[in-house]
């Protein structure tokens, strides 16, 4: 038979035959209970890189038709913005003057248009106003108003008036 390690059991008073039977059995139990020589733990690094995204996705074009006798018109629009979660930003416009106005023209005559921030047209949106926001990671909508021929009280000259307005978004 093979070679075994002799384990002494003096306190139990076992015979040498029992010692020979128990020694291999104790060794087998010790081998099963001991951790395997081939077991090991490993770790792996996991990462994700998310680029900064903060942009005006859409701004609606505005087309107004004056009714007979109408001296002005107010329109409320929305712009769609999408920014990373918790990304602070400002929306500005370089188009307006200090009174929040810019002109559209029919080629000969011009008409003033007043820009306001918010759905109620409360804040005059001049070139120094920065409308703040914080990204939610989802599409967000920001309201603005356009007041055509504000405060004039007269009928504008006949024609189709055109112009543009630019909005700028700056991530902070």
C-alpha atoms as a PDB file:
ATOM      1  CA  UNK A   1       0.000   0.000   0.000  1.00  0.00           C
ATOM      2  CA  UNK A   2       1.086   3.666  -0.482  1.00  0.00           C
ATOM      3  CA  UNK A   3       2.921   5.908   1.935  1.00  0.00           C
ATOM      4  CA  UNK A   4       0.825   7.892   4.379  1.00  0.00           C
ATOM      5  CA  UNK A   5       1.594  10.553   6.866  1.00  0.00           C
ATOM      6  CA  UNK A   6       1.261   9.193  10.334  1.00  0.00           C
ATOM      7  CA  UNK A   7      -1.137  11.225  12.472  1.00  0.00           C
ATOM      8  CA  UNK A   8      -0.790  10.570  16.185  1.00  0.00           C
ATOM      9  CA  UNK A   9      -3.935  10.037  18.226  1.00  0.00           C
ATOM     10  CA  UNK A  10      -2.379   9.336  21.635  1.00  0.00           C
ATOM     11  CA  UNK A  11      -5.208  10.775  23.698  1.00  0.00           C
ATOM     12  CA  UNK A  12      -7.812   8.498  22.056  1.00  0.00           C
ATOM     13  CA  UNK A  13      -6.003   5.261  22.877  1.00  0.00           C
ATOM     14  CA  UNK A  14      -6.506   3.845  19.369  1.00  0.00           C
ATOM     15  CA  UNK A  15      -4.875   0.667  18.176  1.00  0.00           C
ATOM     16  CA  UNK A  16      -2.199   0.837  15.502  1.00  0.00           C
ATOM     17  CA  UNK A  17      -4.656  -0.724  12.996  1.00  0.00           C
ATOM     18  CA  UNK A  18      -7.217   2.027  13.658  1.00  0.00           C
ATOM     19  CA  UNK A  19      -4.445   4.593  13.371  1.00  0.00           C
ATOM     20  CA  UNK A  20      -3.563   3.212   9.930  1.00  0.00           C
ATOM     21  CA  UNK A  21      -7.229   3.420   8.833  1.00  0.00           C
ATOM     22  CA  UNK A  22      -7.863   6.865  10.298  1.00  0.00           C
ATOM     23  CA  UNK A  23      -4.631   8.439   9.000  1.00  0.00           C
ATOM     24  CA  UNK A  24      -5.559   8.179   5.273  1.00  0.00           C
ATOM     25  CA  UNK A  25      -9.152   9.144   6.105  1.00  0.00           C
ATOM     26  CA  UNK A  26      -8.013  12.267   7.991  1.00  0.00           C
ATOM     27  CA  UNK A  27      -5.720  13.161   5.105  1.00  0.00           C
ATOM     28  CA  UNK A  28      -8.561  12.812   2.571  1.00  0.00           C
ATOM     29  CA  UNK A  29     -10.858  14.993   4.698  1.00  0.00           C
ATOM     30  CA  UNK A  30      -8.091  17.586   5.064  1.00  0.00           C
ATOM     31  CA  UNK A  31      -7.561  17.667   1.287  1.00  0.00           C
ATOM     32  CA  UNK A  32     -11.276  18.113   0.559  1.00  0.00           C
ATOM     33  CA  UNK A  33     -11.684  20.800   3.198  1.00  0.00           C
ATOM     34  CA  UNK A  34      -8.557  22.703   2.100  1.00  0.00           C
ATOM     35  CA  UNK A  35      -8.909  25.262  -0.678  1.00  0.00           C
ATOM     36  CA  UNK A  36      -7.950  24.036  -4.100  1.00  0.00           C
ATOM     37  CA  UNK A  37      -4.484  24.930  -5.261  1.00  0.00           C
ATOM     38  CA  UNK A  38      -6.007  26.074  -8.598  1.00  0.00           C
ATOM     39  CA  UNK A  39      -8.640  28.487  -7.238  1.00  0.00           C
ATOM     40  CA  UNK A  40      -7.978  32.206  -7.547  1.00  0.00           C
ATOM     41  CA  UNK A  41      -9.827  35.513  -7.647  1.00  0.00           C
ATOM     42  CA  UNK A  42      -9.341  38.109 -10.348  1.00  0.00           C
ATOM     43  CA  UNK A  43     -10.727  41.560 -10.940  1.00  0.00           C
ATOM     44  CA  UNK A  44     -11.321  43.403 -14.179  1.00  0.00           C
ATOM     45  CA  UNK A  45     -11.651  47.124 -14.744  1.00  0.00           C
ATOM     46  CA  UNK A  46     -14.932  48.339 -16.241  1.00  0.00           C
ATOM     47  CA  UNK A  47     -15.343  51.846 -17.607  1.00  0.00           C
ATOM     48  CA  UNK A  48     -17.647  53.963 -19.757  1.00  0.00           C
ATOM     49  CA  UNK A  49     -16.767  57.294 -21.324  1.00  0.00           C
ATOM     50  CA  UNK A  50     -19.659  59.678 -21.945  1.00  0.00           C
ATOM     51  CA  UNK A  51     -18.874  62.695 -24.127  1.00  0.00           C
ATOM     52  CA  UNK A  52     -20.254  66.114 -23.256  1.00  0.00           C
ATOM     53  CA  UNK A  53     -23.420  66.840 -25.187  1.00  0.00           C
ATOM     54  CA  UNK A  54     -25.333  70.047 -24.792  1.00  0.00           C
ATOM     55  CA  UNK A  55     -27.108  71.483 -27.807  1.00  0.00           C
ATOM     56  CA  UNK A  56     -30.181  73.189 -29.139  1.00  0.00           C
ATOM     57  CA  UNK A  57     -31.785  70.400 -31.116  1.00  0.00           C
ATOM     58  CA  UNK A  58     -34.612  72.340 -32.712  1.00  0.00           C
ATOM     59  CA  UNK A  59     -36.036  75.859 -32.993  1.00  0.00           C
ATOM     60  CA  UNK A  60     -39.327  76.351 -34.785  1.00  0.00           C
ATOM     61  CA  UNK A  61     -39.664  78.715 -37.714  1.00  0.00           C
ATOM     62  CA  UNK A  62     -42.377  81.311 -37.217  1.00  0.00           C
ATOM     63  CA  UNK A  63     -44.827  82.409 -39.906  1.00  0.00           C
ATOM     64  CA  UNK A  64     -47.480  84.980 -38.994  1.00  0.00           C
ATOM     65  CA  UNK A  65     -50.261  86.301 -41.212  1.00  0.00           C
ATOM     66  CA  UNK A  66     -51.890  89.547 -40.083  1.00  0.00           C
ATOM     67  CA  UNK A  67     -55.655  89.775 -40.416  1.00  0.00           C
ATOM     68  CA  UNK A  68     -57.243  92.855 -41.983  1.00  0.00           C
ATOM     69  CA  UNK A  69     -56.994  95.700 -39.493  1.00  0.00           C
ATOM     70  CA  UNK A  70     -54.479  93.883 -37.269  1.00  0.00           C
ATOM     71  CA  UNK A  71     -51.596  96.045 -36.052  1.00  0.00           C
ATOM     72  CA  UNK A  72     -49.525  93.382 -34.289  1.00  0.00           C
ATOM     73  CA  UNK A  73     -49.315  89.739 -33.354  1.00  0.00           C
ATOM     74  CA  UNK A  74     -47.905  87.657 -30.496  1.00  0.00           C
ATOM     75  CA  UNK A  75     -46.637  84.131 -31.010  1.00  0.00           C
ATOM     76  CA  UNK A  76     -45.217  81.730 -28.444  1.00  0.00           C
ATOM     77  CA  UNK A  77     -42.721  79.092 -29.525  1.00  0.00           C
ATOM     78  CA  UNK A  78     -40.474  76.442 -28.010  1.00  0.00           C
ATOM     79  CA  UNK A  79     -36.928  75.386 -28.583  1.00  0.00           C
ATOM     80  CA  UNK A  80     -35.798  71.859 -27.820  1.00  0.00           C
ATOM     81  CA  UNK A  81     -32.546  71.365 -25.905  1.00  0.00           C
ATOM     82  CA  UNK A  82     -30.763  68.184 -24.882  1.00  0.00           C
ATOM     83  CA  UNK A  83     -27.840  68.143 -22.452  1.00  0.00           C
ATOM     84  CA  UNK A  84     -26.096  65.593 -20.269  1.00  0.00           C
ATOM     85  CA  UNK A  85     -27.592  65.015 -16.850  1.00  0.00           C
ATOM     86  CA  UNK A  86     -26.646  67.849 -14.450  1.00  0.00           C
ATOM     87  CA  UNK A  87     -24.864  69.854 -17.195  1.00  0.00           C
ATOM     88  CA  UNK A  88     -25.437  73.565 -16.536  1.00  0.00           C
ATOM     89  CA  UNK A  89     -25.909  75.818 -19.566  1.00  0.00           C
ATOM     90  CA  UNK A  90     -27.073  79.259 -20.720  1.00  0.00           C
ATOM     91  CA  UNK A  91     -29.080  80.193 -23.802  1.00  0.00           C
ATOM     92  CA  UNK A  92     -28.439  83.653 -25.256  1.00  0.00           C
ATOM     93  CA  UNK A  93     -29.166  85.543 -28.444  1.00  0.00           C
ATOM     94  CA  UNK A  94     -26.866  88.048 -30.153  1.00  0.00           C
ATOM     95  CA  UNK A  95     -29.714  89.092 -32.486  1.00  0.00           C
ATOM     96  CA  UNK A  96     -31.631  91.481 -30.230  1.00  0.00           C
ATOM     97  CA  UNK A  97     -30.786  95.011 -29.130  1.00  0.00           C
ATOM     98  CA  UNK A  98     -30.927  96.373 -25.574  1.00  0.00           C
ATOM     99  CA  UNK A  99     -34.738  96.528 -25.788  1.00  0.00           C
ATOM    100  CA  UNK A 100     -34.982  92.855 -26.832  1.00  0.00           C
ATOM    101  CA  UNK A 101     -35.910  93.777 -30.407  1.00  0.00           C
ATOM    102  CA  UNK A 102     -34.691  93.006 -33.893  1.00  0.00           C
ATOM    103  CA  UNK A 103     -36.031  93.916 -37.336  1.00  0.00           C
ATOM    104  CA  UNK A 104     -37.450  91.903 -40.178  1.00  0.00           C
ATOM    105  CA  UNK A 105     -37.856  93.511 -43.584  1.00  0.00           C
ATOM    106  CA  UNK A 106     -39.989  93.307 -46.723  1.00  0.00           C
ATOM    107  CA  UNK A 107     -37.123  94.660 -48.804  1.00  0.00           C
ATOM    108  CA  UNK A 108     -38.228  98.279 -48.372  1.00  0.00           C
ATOM    109  CA  UNK A 109     -39.847  98.634 -44.965  1.00  0.00           C
ATOM    110  CA  UNK A 110     -38.850  97.054 -41.670  1.00  0.00           C
ATOM    111  CA  UNK A 111     -40.949  95.782 -38.797  1.00  0.00           C
ATOM    112  CA  UNK A 112     -39.768  95.423 -35.196  1.00  0.00           C
ATOM    113  CA  UNK A 113     -40.088  92.072 -33.467  1.00  0.00           C
ATOM    114  CA  UNK A 114     -39.684  91.820 -29.697  1.00  0.00           C
ATOM    115  CA  UNK A 115     -38.279  88.629 -28.182  1.00  0.00           C
ATOM    116  CA  UNK A 116     -39.308  87.507 -24.711  1.00  0.00           C
ATOM    117  CA  UNK A 117     -38.170  84.556 -22.615  1.00  0.00           C
ATOM    118  CA  UNK A 118     -40.734  82.254 -21.047  1.00  0.00           C
ATOM    119  CA  UNK A 119     -44.216  81.268 -22.107  1.00  0.00           C
ATOM    120  CA  UNK A 120     -45.857  84.420 -20.744  1.00  0.00           C
ATOM    121  CA  UNK A 121     -43.418  86.806 -22.403  1.00  0.00           C
ATOM    122  CA  UNK A 122     -42.396  88.262 -19.068  1.00  0.00           C
ATOM    123  CA  UNK A 123     -38.654  88.744 -19.550  1.00  0.00           C
ATOM    124  CA  UNK A 124     -37.469  90.922 -22.431  1.00  0.00           C
ATOM    125  CA  UNK A 125     -34.766  88.805 -24.041  1.00  0.00           C
ATOM    126  CA  UNK A 126     -32.084  91.309 -24.913  1.00  0.00           C
ATOM    127  CA  UNK A 127     -28.568  90.421 -25.975  1.00  0.00           C
ATOM    128  CA  UNK A 128     -27.357  90.499 -22.350  1.00  0.00           C
ATOM    129  CA  UNK A 129     -29.932  88.053 -20.949  1.00  0.00           C
ATOM    130  CA  UNK A 130     -28.731  84.503 -20.397  1.00  0.00           C
ATOM    131  CA  UNK A 131     -31.555  82.014 -19.852  1.00  0.00           C
ATOM    132  CA  UNK A 132     -30.114  79.359 -17.517  1.00  0.00           C
ATOM    133  CA  UNK A 133     -30.806  75.649 -17.532  1.00  0.00           C
ATOM    134  CA  UNK A 134     -29.551  72.350 -16.160  1.00  0.00           C
ATOM    135  CA  UNK A 135     -29.549  69.230 -18.314  1.00  0.00           C
ATOM    136  CA  UNK A 136     -31.785  66.315 -17.439  1.00  0.00           C
ATOM    137  CA  UNK A 137     -30.360  63.914 -20.019  1.00  0.00           C
ATOM    138  CA  UNK A 138     -33.723  64.119 -21.795  1.00  0.00           C
ATOM    139  CA  UNK A 139     -35.228  66.596 -24.227  1.00  0.00           C
ATOM    140  CA  UNK A 140     -36.186  69.850 -22.532  1.00  0.00           C
ATOM    141  CA  UNK A 141     -38.353  72.607 -23.955  1.00  0.00           C
ATOM    142  CA  UNK A 142     -37.737  76.317 -23.438  1.00  0.00           C
ATOM    143  CA  UNK A 143     -40.485  78.791 -24.249  1.00  0.00           C
ATOM    144  CA  UNK A 144     -40.027  82.136 -25.924  1.00  0.00           C
ATOM    145  CA  UNK A 145     -42.350  84.746 -27.374  1.00  0.00           C
ATOM    146  CA  UNK A 146     -42.250  86.916 -30.481  1.00  0.00           C
ATOM    147  CA  UNK A 147     -44.247  90.118 -30.579  1.00  0.00           C
ATOM    148  CA  UNK A 148     -44.590  91.474 -34.129  1.00  0.00           C
ATOM    149  CA  UNK A 149     -44.930  95.259 -34.581  1.00  0.00           C
ATOM    150  CA  UNK A 150     -45.064  95.820 -30.796  1.00  0.00           C
ATOM    151  CA  UNK A 151     -46.388  99.071 -29.373  1.00  0.00           C
ATOM    152  CA  UNK A 152     -46.815 100.649 -32.811  1.00  0.00           C
ATOM    153  CA  UNK A 153     -50.603 100.944 -33.054  1.00  0.00           C
ATOM    154  CA  UNK A 154     -50.407 101.375 -36.830  1.00  0.00           C
ATOM    155  CA  UNK A 155     -50.955  98.964 -39.677  1.00  0.00           C
ATOM    156  CA  UNK A 156     -47.610  97.870 -41.081  1.00  0.00           C
ATOM    157  CA  UNK A 157     -46.771  98.414 -44.767  1.00  0.00           C
ATOM    158  CA  UNK A 158     -47.940  95.678 -47.141  1.00  0.00           C
ATOM    159  CA  UNK A 159     -45.474  92.899 -47.850  1.00  0.00           C
ATOM    160  CA  UNK A 160     -43.872  89.718 -46.651  1.00  0.00           C
ATOM    161  CA  UNK A 161     -41.306  90.488 -43.961  1.00  0.00           C
ATOM    162  CA  UNK A 162     -38.429  88.115 -43.335  1.00  0.00           C
ATOM    163  CA  UNK A 163     -35.441  87.900 -41.049  1.00  0.00           C
ATOM    164  CA  UNK A 164     -33.632  85.521 -38.752  1.00  0.00           C
ATOM    165  CA  UNK A 165     -32.915  85.156 -35.098  1.00  0.00           C
ATOM    166  CA  UNK A 166     -30.002  83.225 -33.684  1.00  0.00           C
ATOM    167  CA  UNK A 167     -29.886  81.445 -30.328  1.00  0.00           C
ATOM    168  CA  UNK A 168     -26.625  80.299 -28.748  1.00  0.00           C
ATOM    169  CA  UNK A 169     -26.214  77.611 -26.102  1.00  0.00           C
ATOM    170  CA  UNK A 170     -23.114  77.590 -23.919  1.00  0.00           C
ATOM    171  CA  UNK A 171     -22.383  74.652 -21.624  1.00  0.00           C
ATOM    172  CA  UNK A 172     -20.926  75.849 -18.329  1.00  0.00           C
END
